[in-house]
Amino acid sequence: MSEIQSARAIAADVQSGRSSAVNISKVAIERVRALQPKLNALTHFDAEMTLAEAKAVDAQIGAGETLPLAGVPIIIKDTVWVEGRPITQGSRLFADAVPARDARAVYLLKSAGAVILGIGASSEFACKGVTTSLLHGTTHHPMDPDLTPGGSSGGPAVGVAASMAPLALGTDAGGSSRRPPAHVGVVGFKPSQDVIPYGPGYPEPFWNIAVLAPIARDVADTALMFELLSSGPTAAALLPAPEDLKSLRIAFAPTLGLDAKMDTSSISALAMAAERFRAAGFDIADAAPAWPDGAGPGDAMPLQWAGLAALYGTRWQAAPDDFDPDIGTQIEAGLRLSGADVANALEASRKMRETMRAFMDEYDLVLSATTPCAAWPSVQLGPETIGGAPAAPRDHAAFTAQFNHAGLPAISIPCGVSETGLPLGLQIGGGFGRDRTVLGAAAAFEHLLQ
């Protein structure tokens, strides 16, 4: 079974005529047919639709057009509108939903020559840290089918890790496109808020913290995808990367300053990374944000519950069997919230935003773990233990949501493995609009970690 090349290599080969979009798509289709039964990474796959798009790209190349993603197969998460394909949000409520138009980001990818390979699995409404749904079943880790890739962008991350496609587009409202890439050994990038156009699409149970997120096998492909998509209302705030990355002020905060559990292997992987970066000449200080009381991701979670209740509370009460029970639990929690509860959650979000932004005024970058642990069994919402201590269901997601509430860019790149050989991730965060600095540093660190 042939391997899929990088997006850069595919685009160069198709643009030059050394290959064709149709031939590239046939390789990707072969991989999907071989791997999908084992992984369940895709919720929709139609080889004929993919080949038709590929033929159209070849015609454009033949007519002399230059396409930066010429013939590159891509997976789109099952929450992002793609014209003519079922986009279900992993929900029985939307089992027959077929959008009549593309999300702006999907339009931009197609315009650049990308070919939609399939739709990547998501947990229901992208509101769960494992990728399972009543509608589409369980998505499996590519290294061990009994494990989860995490969530909610598990399908896109697994599709890239399994080399079905070199690129995927996920969403990230609390780490959903950083943690799954960390668990399966690929790259996931959460850009600054509103840099990548988000709609049109379904209403979501989040308050201005969700972004569309490139997922790829390496940082260079991630950066290519980001540059093609960064045309949102705040794109003008993007700053160039500094010419000398070693002039950056970098904070090393493995737990992001939180009293959080960490597996020994995660601690060791981060320490190894910091040692290599310092040896290479990077200025890295041990420093972390000072968090006020009531400024944790858990303190802001009622916002998601309230959003789910507002969107689907009536449907849940009328037909609870149509919902994932774990989502139903969140809806019930949302229905019980008072106005004061929601106000307190909004205050927690504000505190996270102010704390992170103030810290990133002092430092250009901050390094932390993406997750405190490796992947766990897919039948569990989270690992039973982290660092040898009992873990709550969301303890695996301790270090990512802060960047969403602050609107700041953050990327996860592969960084070491667990004691059982499972991938771990390094998270690199930056100040608002410093997306290119984050990507530039990630490319340099990626090289040092290889």
Protein backbone atom coordinates (compact mmCIF):
# COMPACT_ATOMS: atom_id res chain seq x y z
CA MET A 1 0.00 0.00 0.00
CA SER A 2 1.57 3.26 -1.15
CA GLU A 3 2.32 6.10 1.28
CA ILE A 4 0.87 9.58 0.89
CA GLN A 5 3.54 12.28 0.51
CA SER A 6 3.57 15.63 2.28
CA ALA A 7 1.16 18.29 1.03
CA ARG A 8 4.12 20.30 -0.26
CA ALA A 9 5.48 17.39 -2.28
CA ILE A 10 2.08 16.47 -3.70
CA ALA A 11 1.31 20.03 -4.77
CA ALA A 12 4.73 20.39 -6.41
CA ASP A 13 4.36 17.10 -8.31
CA VAL A 14 0.82 17.82 -9.50
CA GLN A 15 1.58 21.42 -10.44
CA SER A 16 4.64 20.37 -12.45
CA GLY A 17 2.89 17.50 -14.19
CA ARG A 18 5.07 14.80 -12.58
CA SER A 19 1.86 13.39 -11.13
CA SER A 20 -1.85 14.11 -11.30
CA ALA A 21 -4.53 14.86 -8.75
CA VAL A 22 -6.37 11.74 -9.91
CA ASN A 23 -3.36 9.49 -9.28
CA ILE A 24 -2.77 11.04 -5.86
CA SER A 25 -6.44 10.57 -4.99
CA LYS A 26 -6.30 6.91 -6.03
CA VAL A 27 -3.46 6.32 -3.56
CA ALA A 28 -5.43 8.03 -0.79
CA ILE A 29 -8.58 6.09 -1.66
CA GLU A 30 -6.63 2.84 -1.49
CA ARG A 31 -5.42 3.71 2.00
CA VAL A 32 -8.91 4.63 3.18
CA ARG A 33 -10.35 1.36 1.90
CA ALA A 34 -7.61 -0.58 3.68
CA LEU A 35 -7.61 1.32 6.98
CA GLN A 36 -11.11 2.69 7.54
CA PRO A 37 -12.60 -0.65 8.69
CA LYS A 38 -9.99 -0.81 11.47
CA LEU A 39 -9.85 2.86 12.46
CA ASN A 40 -13.33 4.28 11.74
CA ALA A 41 -11.72 7.68 11.19
CA LEU A 42 -14.20 8.88 8.54
CA THR A 43 -17.95 9.41 8.77
CA HIS A 44 -18.37 9.89 5.02
CA PHE A 45 -16.25 8.61 2.16
CA ASP A 46 -17.27 8.65 -1.51
CA ALA A 47 -14.47 7.69 -3.88
CA GLU A 48 -16.37 8.92 -6.93
CA MET A 49 -16.88 12.38 -5.45
CA THR A 50 -13.18 12.55 -4.57
CA LEU A 51 -12.11 11.48 -8.06
CA ALA A 52 -14.46 14.00 -9.65
CA GLU A 53 -12.86 16.79 -7.62
CA ALA A 54 -9.41 15.50 -8.56
CA LYS A 55 -10.30 15.51 -12.27
CA ALA A 56 -11.43 19.12 -11.95
CA VAL A 57 -8.09 20.05 -10.36
CA ASP A 58 -6.19 18.33 -13.18
CA ALA A 59 -8.24 20.33 -15.66
CA GLN A 60 -7.33 23.56 -13.88
CA ILE A 61 -3.64 22.66 -13.96
CA GLY A 62 -3.97 21.78 -17.62
CA ALA A 63 -5.46 25.22 -18.24
CA GLY A 64 -2.38 26.84 -16.73
CA GLU A 65 -3.66 27.68 -13.23
CA THR A 66 -1.28 27.71 -10.24
CA LEU A 67 -2.76 25.99 -7.20
CA PRO A 68 -0.78 25.91 -3.92
CA LEU A 69 -2.56 22.72 -2.76
CA ALA A 70 -2.85 21.13 -6.21
CA GLY A 71 -4.29 17.65 -5.75
CA VAL A 72 -3.67 17.46 -2.01
CA PRO A 73 -6.18 15.12 -0.27
CA ILE A 74 -7.73 16.64 2.84
CA ILE A 75 -10.09 15.46 5.58
CA ILE A 76 -12.69 17.88 6.98
CA LYS A 77 -14.13 17.41 10.47
CA ASP A 78 -17.77 16.36 10.73
CA THR A 79 -18.78 19.74 12.16
CA VAL A 80 -17.56 21.98 9.31
CA TRP A 81 -19.87 22.56 6.35
CA VAL A 82 -18.86 20.91 3.07
CA GLU A 83 -21.28 21.39 0.21
CA GLY A 84 -23.01 18.20 -0.90
CA ARG A 85 -21.58 15.94 1.82
CA PRO A 86 -23.29 14.77 5.03
CA ILE A 87 -22.09 16.90 7.96
CA THR A 88 -23.74 15.50 11.06
CA GLN A 89 -21.86 16.87 14.11
CA GLY A 90 -21.80 13.22 15.20
CA SER A 91 -25.48 13.54 16.09
CA ARG A 92 -28.56 11.55 15.18
CA LEU A 93 -30.38 14.88 15.01
CA PHE A 94 -28.36 15.76 11.91
CA ALA A 95 -27.98 12.29 10.38
CA ASP A 96 -29.45 13.44 7.06
CA ALA A 97 -28.03 16.98 6.98
CA VAL A 98 -26.22 17.93 3.77
CA PRO A 99 -25.09 21.59 3.67
CA ALA A 100 -25.87 23.53 0.51
CA ARG A 101 -22.66 25.53 0.71
CA ASP A 102 -19.09 25.30 1.95
CA ALA A 103 -17.73 26.96 5.04
CA ARG A 104 -15.46 29.80 3.95
CA ALA A 105 -12.36 27.86 5.01
CA VAL A 106 -13.42 24.83 2.95
CA TYR A 107 -14.01 27.11 -0.04
CA LEU A 108 -10.48 28.51 0.37
CA LEU A 109 -8.97 25.02 0.53
CA LYS A 110 -10.84 23.88 -2.58
CA SER A 111 -9.86 27.08 -4.38
CA ALA A 112 -6.22 26.27 -3.59
CA GLY A 113 -6.60 22.87 -5.27
CA ALA A 114 -7.24 20.62 -2.26
CA VAL A 115 -9.39 17.54 -2.87
CA ILE A 116 -11.86 16.44 -0.19
CA LEU A 117 -11.01 12.83 0.68
CA GLY A 118 -13.64 12.40 3.37
CA ILE A 119 -15.28 13.71 6.51
CA GLY A 120 -13.46 13.06 9.80
CA ALA A 121 -15.26 11.71 12.84
CA SER A 122 -16.09 13.94 15.81
CA SER A 123 -17.72 13.35 19.14
CA GLU A 124 -21.31 14.62 19.30
CA PHE A 125 -21.36 18.41 18.89
CA ALA A 126 -17.57 18.33 19.45
CA CYS A 127 -18.26 18.29 23.18
CA LYS A 128 -16.42 15.23 24.44
CA GLY A 129 -12.78 14.31 24.99
CA VAL A 130 -13.04 10.97 23.19
CA THR A 131 -14.22 10.47 19.61
CA THR A 132 -17.34 8.35 19.93
CA SER A 133 -20.94 8.92 18.90
CA LEU A 134 -24.17 6.96 18.71
CA LEU A 135 -24.39 7.80 15.01
CA HIS A 136 -20.90 6.81 13.86
CA GLY A 137 -19.44 4.62 16.60
CA THR A 138 -15.90 4.73 17.98
CA THR A 139 -12.78 6.07 16.30
CA HIS A 140 -9.71 4.00 17.16
CA HIS A 141 -6.12 4.92 17.85
CA PRO A 142 -3.89 3.93 14.90
CA MET A 143 -1.36 2.21 17.19
CA ASP A 144 -3.86 0.31 19.34
CA PRO A 145 -7.55 -0.10 18.41
CA ASP A 146 -8.52 -0.41 22.07
CA LEU A 147 -7.35 3.14 22.74
CA THR A 148 -8.91 6.50 21.94
CA PRO A 149 -7.15 9.25 19.98
CA GLY A 150 -8.92 11.69 22.29
CA GLY A 151 -11.41 14.21 21.03
CA SER A 152 -13.16 15.86 19.63
CA SER A 153 -11.13 16.00 16.38
CA GLY A 154 -10.15 12.35 16.63
CA GLY A 155 -11.16 11.39 13.11
CA PRO A 156 -9.14 14.11 11.36
CA ALA A 157 -6.10 13.42 13.56
CA VAL A 158 -6.24 9.66 13.00
CA GLY A 159 -6.72 10.14 9.25
CA VAL A 160 -3.52 12.19 9.08
CA ALA A 161 -1.59 9.88 11.41
CA ALA A 162 -2.60 6.87 9.30
CA SER A 163 -1.46 8.68 6.15
CA MET A 164 -4.90 8.67 4.57
CA ALA A 165 -4.34 12.36 3.82
CA PRO A 166 -1.49 14.78 4.62
CA LEU A 167 -3.87 17.50 5.84
CA ALA A 168 -7.05 17.78 7.88
CA LEU A 169 -9.20 20.63 9.13
CA GLY A 170 -10.41 20.31 12.70
CA THR A 171 -12.05 22.57 15.23
CA ASP A 172 -10.67 23.60 18.60
CA ALA A 173 -12.73 25.09 21.43
CA GLY A 174 -10.66 23.74 24.31
CA GLY A 175 -7.85 21.70 22.79
CA SER A 176 -9.86 19.52 20.40
CA SER A 177 -7.29 19.84 17.60
CA ARG A 178 -4.18 19.76 19.81
CA ARG A 179 -4.79 16.86 22.17
CA PRO A 180 -5.80 14.26 19.54
CA PRO A 181 -2.76 15.12 17.38
CA ALA A 182 -0.58 14.79 20.48
CA HIS A 183 -2.07 11.37 21.22
CA VAL A 184 -1.45 10.03 17.69
CA GLY A 185 1.88 11.73 16.92
CA VAL A 186 1.00 14.51 14.47
CA VAL A 187 0.81 18.33 14.53
CA GLY A 188 -2.25 20.37 15.47
CA PHE A 189 -2.36 24.18 15.41
CA LYS A 190 -4.90 26.44 17.12
CA PRO A 191 -4.54 29.93 15.57
CA SER A 192 -5.34 33.27 17.15
CA GLN A 193 -9.07 33.87 17.49
CA ASP A 194 -10.87 34.87 14.26
CA VAL A 195 -7.80 34.70 12.01
CA ILE A 196 -9.27 31.77 10.06
CA PRO A 197 -12.89 32.38 8.93
CA TYR A 198 -15.19 30.12 10.94
CA GLY A 199 -18.56 30.09 9.18
CA PRO A 200 -21.03 29.64 7.71
CA GLY A 201 -22.00 26.58 9.69
CA TYR A 202 -24.00 25.17 12.56
CA PRO A 203 -24.57 27.17 15.74
CA GLU A 204 -22.21 25.95 18.45
CA PRO A 205 -22.40 25.77 22.25
CA PHE A 206 -19.30 27.93 22.75
CA TRP A 207 -18.79 31.63 23.47
CA ASN A 208 -16.28 32.97 20.95
CA ILE A 209 -13.50 30.52 21.81
CA ALA A 210 -13.73 28.04 18.92
CA VAL A 211 -11.40 28.16 15.92
CA LEU A 212 -10.75 26.08 12.82
CA ALA A 213 -7.45 24.29 13.21
CA PRO A 214 -4.99 22.82 10.67
CA ILE A 215 -3.75 19.28 11.36
CA ALA A 216 -0.78 17.80 9.48
CA ARG A 217 2.15 15.42 9.82
CA ASP A 218 4.74 18.20 10.09
CA VAL A 219 4.94 21.89 10.89
CA ALA A 220 5.77 22.99 7.33
CA ASP A 221 2.50 21.54 5.97
CA THR A 222 0.64 23.04 8.92
CA ALA A 223 2.11 26.47 8.15
CA LEU A 224 1.24 26.15 4.46
CA MET A 225 -2.37 25.39 5.30
CA PHE A 226 -2.54 28.20 7.85
CA GLU A 227 -1.27 30.82 5.41
CA LEU A 228 -3.89 29.80 2.85
CA LEU A 229 -6.68 30.06 5.42
CA SER A 230 -5.69 33.17 7.39
CA SER A 231 -8.06 35.71 5.91
CA GLY A 232 -10.44 36.29 8.80
CA PRO A 233 -11.38 39.63 10.37
CA THR A 234 -8.31 39.75 12.62
CA ALA A 235 -5.79 38.47 10.08
CA ALA A 236 -4.35 41.97 9.77
CA ALA A 237 -3.10 41.58 13.36
CA LEU A 238 -0.77 38.75 12.37
CA LEU A 239 2.89 39.58 12.93
CA PRO A 240 5.88 38.25 11.01
CA ALA A 241 8.13 35.71 12.69
CA PRO A 242 11.39 37.23 13.98
CA GLU A 243 14.44 36.56 11.84
CA ASP A 244 16.36 35.33 14.89
CA LEU A 245 14.27 32.83 16.82
CA LYS A 246 17.00 32.57 19.46
CA SER A 247 16.25 36.14 20.51
CA LEU A 248 12.85 35.06 21.79
CA ARG A 249 11.94 35.12 25.48
CA ILE A 250 10.68 31.59 26.15
CA ALA A 251 9.02 30.34 29.33
CA PHE A 252 9.20 26.67 30.29
CA ALA A 253 6.05 25.72 32.22
CA PRO A 254 5.40 21.96 31.93
CA THR A 255 2.05 22.16 33.76
CA LEU A 256 1.35 25.78 32.69
CA GLY A 257 1.69 26.79 36.33
CA LEU A 258 -1.13 24.55 37.50
CA ASP A 259 -1.11 22.02 40.31
CA ALA A 260 -1.96 19.29 37.82
CA LYS A 261 -1.18 15.59 37.67
CA MET A 262 1.46 14.46 35.12
CA ASP A 263 2.66 11.02 34.12
CA THR A 264 6.38 10.45 34.68
CA SER A 265 6.96 9.89 30.97
CA SER A 266 5.33 13.24 30.15
CA ILE A 267 7.53 15.03 32.66
CA SER A 268 10.63 13.34 31.25
CA ALA A 269 9.71 14.16 27.65
CA LEU A 270 9.26 17.86 28.44
CA ALA A 271 12.53 17.99 30.40
CA MET A 272 14.36 16.34 27.50
CA ALA A 273 12.91 18.85 25.07
CA ALA A 274 13.88 21.87 27.17
CA GLU A 275 17.42 20.50 27.57
CA ARG A 276 17.81 20.13 23.81
CA PHE A 277 16.44 23.60 23.10
CA ARG A 278 18.75 25.20 25.65
CA ALA A 279 21.72 23.30 24.26
CA ALA A 280 20.84 24.67 20.82
CA GLY A 281 21.05 28.23 22.13
CA PHE A 282 17.45 29.11 22.94
CA ASP A 283 16.85 31.36 25.97
CA ILE A 284 14.43 29.40 28.12
CA ALA A 285 13.44 30.47 31.62
CA ASP A 286 11.51 28.44 34.17
CA ALA A 287 8.40 30.58 34.54
CA ALA A 288 4.63 30.11 34.53
CA PRO A 289 1.42 32.12 34.76
CA ALA A 290 0.17 32.90 38.27
CA TRP A 291 -3.45 31.78 38.22
CA PRO A 292 -6.04 33.49 40.43
CA ASP A 293 -8.71 31.45 42.17
CA GLY A 294 -11.59 30.41 39.95
CA ALA A 295 -9.63 30.63 36.70
CA GLY A 296 -9.44 26.99 35.67
CA PRO A 297 -10.91 25.33 32.58
CA GLY A 298 -13.34 23.47 34.85
CA ASP A 299 -14.63 26.76 36.22
CA ALA A 300 -15.63 27.80 32.69
CA MET A 301 -17.16 24.45 31.62
CA PRO A 302 -20.70 25.57 32.58
CA LEU A 303 -20.57 27.78 29.48
CA GLN A 304 -20.49 24.68 27.28
CA TRP A 305 -23.29 23.06 29.28
CA ALA A 306 -25.43 26.19 29.03
CA GLY A 307 -24.76 26.40 25.30
CA LEU A 308 -25.79 22.78 24.77
CA ALA A 309 -28.93 23.32 26.86
CA ALA A 310 -29.86 26.42 24.87
CA LEU A 311 -29.45 24.66 21.54
CA TYR A 312 -30.73 21.17 22.32
CA GLY A 313 -32.41 21.17 25.74
CA THR A 314 -35.92 20.87 24.36
CA ARG A 315 -34.94 18.08 21.96
CA TRP A 316 -33.15 16.24 24.77
CA GLN A 317 -36.19 16.36 27.02
CA ALA A 318 -38.43 15.11 24.19
CA ALA A 319 -36.16 12.35 22.83
CA PRO A 320 -33.19 11.55 25.09
CA ASP A 321 -32.44 8.32 23.20
CA ASP A 322 -31.31 10.43 20.24
CA PHE A 323 -28.36 11.75 22.26
CA ASP A 324 -25.07 10.37 23.51
CA PRO A 325 -25.75 9.91 27.25
CA ASP A 326 -22.57 11.83 28.10
CA ILE A 327 -23.86 14.80 26.08
CA GLY A 328 -27.24 14.40 27.75
CA THR A 329 -25.53 14.71 31.13
CA GLN A 330 -24.02 18.01 30.01
CA ILE A 331 -27.38 19.27 28.73
CA GLU A 332 -29.04 18.39 32.03
CA ALA A 333 -26.29 20.26 33.87
CA GLY A 334 -26.91 23.25 31.62
CA LEU A 335 -30.64 23.21 32.25
CA ARG A 336 -29.98 23.36 36.00
CA LEU A 337 -27.69 26.40 35.82
CA SER A 338 -28.75 29.73 37.20
CA GLY A 339 -27.92 33.10 35.70
CA ALA A 340 -25.37 33.55 38.49
CA ASP A 341 -23.75 30.23 37.56
CA VAL A 342 -23.32 31.37 33.96
CA ALA A 343 -22.00 34.75 35.14
CA ASN A 344 -19.40 32.99 37.31
CA ALA A 345 -18.33 30.86 34.35
CA LEU A 346 -17.97 33.97 32.19
CA GLU A 347 -15.85 35.48 34.93
CA ALA A 348 -13.62 32.39 34.93
CA SER A 349 -13.19 32.80 31.18
CA ARG A 350 -12.26 36.45 31.64
CA LYS A 351 -9.68 35.57 34.30
CA MET A 352 -8.07 32.98 32.04
CA ARG A 353 -7.93 35.50 29.21
CA GLU A 354 -6.36 38.25 31.31
CA THR A 355 -3.89 35.93 33.04
CA MET A 356 -2.64 34.33 29.83
CA ARG A 357 -2.44 37.61 27.92
CA ALA A 358 -0.54 39.31 30.74
CA PHE A 359 1.92 36.42 30.87
CA MET A 360 2.43 36.53 27.11
CA ASP A 361 3.27 40.23 27.41
CA GLU A 362 6.33 39.09 29.39
CA TYR A 363 7.31 36.15 27.18
CA ASP A 364 7.21 35.53 23.44
CA LEU A 365 6.47 31.83 23.85
CA VAL A 366 5.49 29.38 26.56
CA LEU A 367 6.27 25.66 26.45
CA SER A 368 4.10 23.12 28.24
CA ALA A 369 2.79 19.61 27.86
CA THR A 370 -0.12 19.33 25.46
CA THR A 371 -1.56 16.59 27.64
CA PRO A 372 -0.36 15.18 30.96
CA CYS A 373 -0.65 11.59 29.74
CA ALA A 374 -0.81 9.32 26.72
CA ALA A 375 -3.94 7.82 25.16
CA TRP A 376 -6.27 5.65 27.26
CA PRO A 377 -9.00 3.03 26.56
CA SER A 378 -11.76 4.35 24.33
CA VAL A 379 -14.49 3.01 26.65
CA GLN A 380 -13.49 5.64 29.26
CA LEU A 381 -14.12 9.40 29.19
CA GLY A 382 -10.58 9.85 30.49
CA PRO A 383 -7.71 7.86 31.98
CA GLU A 384 -8.39 6.28 35.35
CA THR A 385 -5.09 7.57 36.73
CA ILE A 386 -2.55 10.24 35.82
CA GLY A 387 0.80 10.30 37.55
CA GLY A 388 -0.29 7.32 39.65
CA ALA A 389 -3.21 9.21 41.20
CA PRO A 390 -6.95 8.89 40.45
CA ALA A 391 -7.97 11.23 37.64
CA ALA A 392 -11.21 13.11 37.03
CA PRO A 393 -12.71 12.81 33.52
CA ARG A 394 -11.27 16.14 32.31
CA ASP A 395 -7.83 15.99 33.96
CA HIS A 396 -6.34 14.90 30.63
CA ALA A 397 -7.36 18.30 29.22
CA ALA A 398 -5.68 20.50 31.82
CA PHE A 399 -3.38 22.62 29.64
CA THR A 400 -5.18 23.58 26.43
CA ALA A 401 -8.40 25.53 27.04
CA GLN A 402 -6.55 28.50 28.53
CA PHE A 403 -5.37 29.47 25.03
CA ASN A 404 -8.94 29.31 23.71
CA HIS A 405 -10.30 31.60 26.40
CA ALA A 406 -7.40 33.99 25.81
CA GLY A 407 -7.76 33.85 22.02
CA LEU A 408 -4.04 33.02 21.67
CA PRO A 409 -2.24 30.72 19.22
CA ALA A 410 -0.89 27.36 20.36
CA ILE A 411 0.49 24.33 18.56
CA SER A 412 1.14 20.73 19.56
CA ILE A 413 4.11 18.89 18.05
CA PRO A 414 5.26 15.33 18.76
CA CYS A 415 7.59 15.13 21.78
CA GLY A 416 8.71 11.75 23.05
CA VAL A 417 6.69 8.68 23.94
CA SER A 418 5.14 7.14 27.02
CA GLU A 419 6.51 4.11 28.85
CA THR A 420 4.39 1.97 26.50
CA GLY A 421 5.60 3.74 23.35
CA LEU A 422 2.57 5.97 22.77
CA PRO A 423 3.07 9.50 21.41
CA LEU A 424 3.23 12.58 23.63
CA GLY A 425 3.03 16.24 22.68
CA LEU A 426 4.78 19.54 23.36
CA GLN A 427 2.51 22.60 23.36
CA ILE A 428 3.98 25.92 22.22
CA GLY A 429 1.86 29.01 22.89
CA GLY A 430 2.35 32.63 21.91
CA GLY A 431 0.87 36.10 22.16
CA PHE A 432 -2.07 37.32 20.13
CA GLY A 433 -1.20 37.59 16.44
CA ARG A 434 2.11 35.79 16.97
CA ASP A 435 0.94 32.76 15.00
CA ARG A 436 3.93 32.86 12.65
CA THR A 437 6.34 33.09 15.58
CA VAL A 438 4.70 30.00 17.09
CA LEU A 439 4.93 28.16 13.78
CA GLY A 440 8.54 29.22 13.21
CA ALA A 441 9.61 28.09 16.65
CA ALA A 442 7.65 24.85 16.24
CA ALA A 443 9.54 24.10 13.03
CA ALA A 444 12.87 24.69 14.76
CA PHE A 445 11.90 22.60 17.79
CA GLU A 446 10.50 19.85 15.58
CA HIS A 447 13.91 19.54 13.97
CA LEU A 448 15.66 19.39 17.34
CA LEU A 449 13.31 16.66 18.59
CA GLN A 450 13.81 14.35 15.62
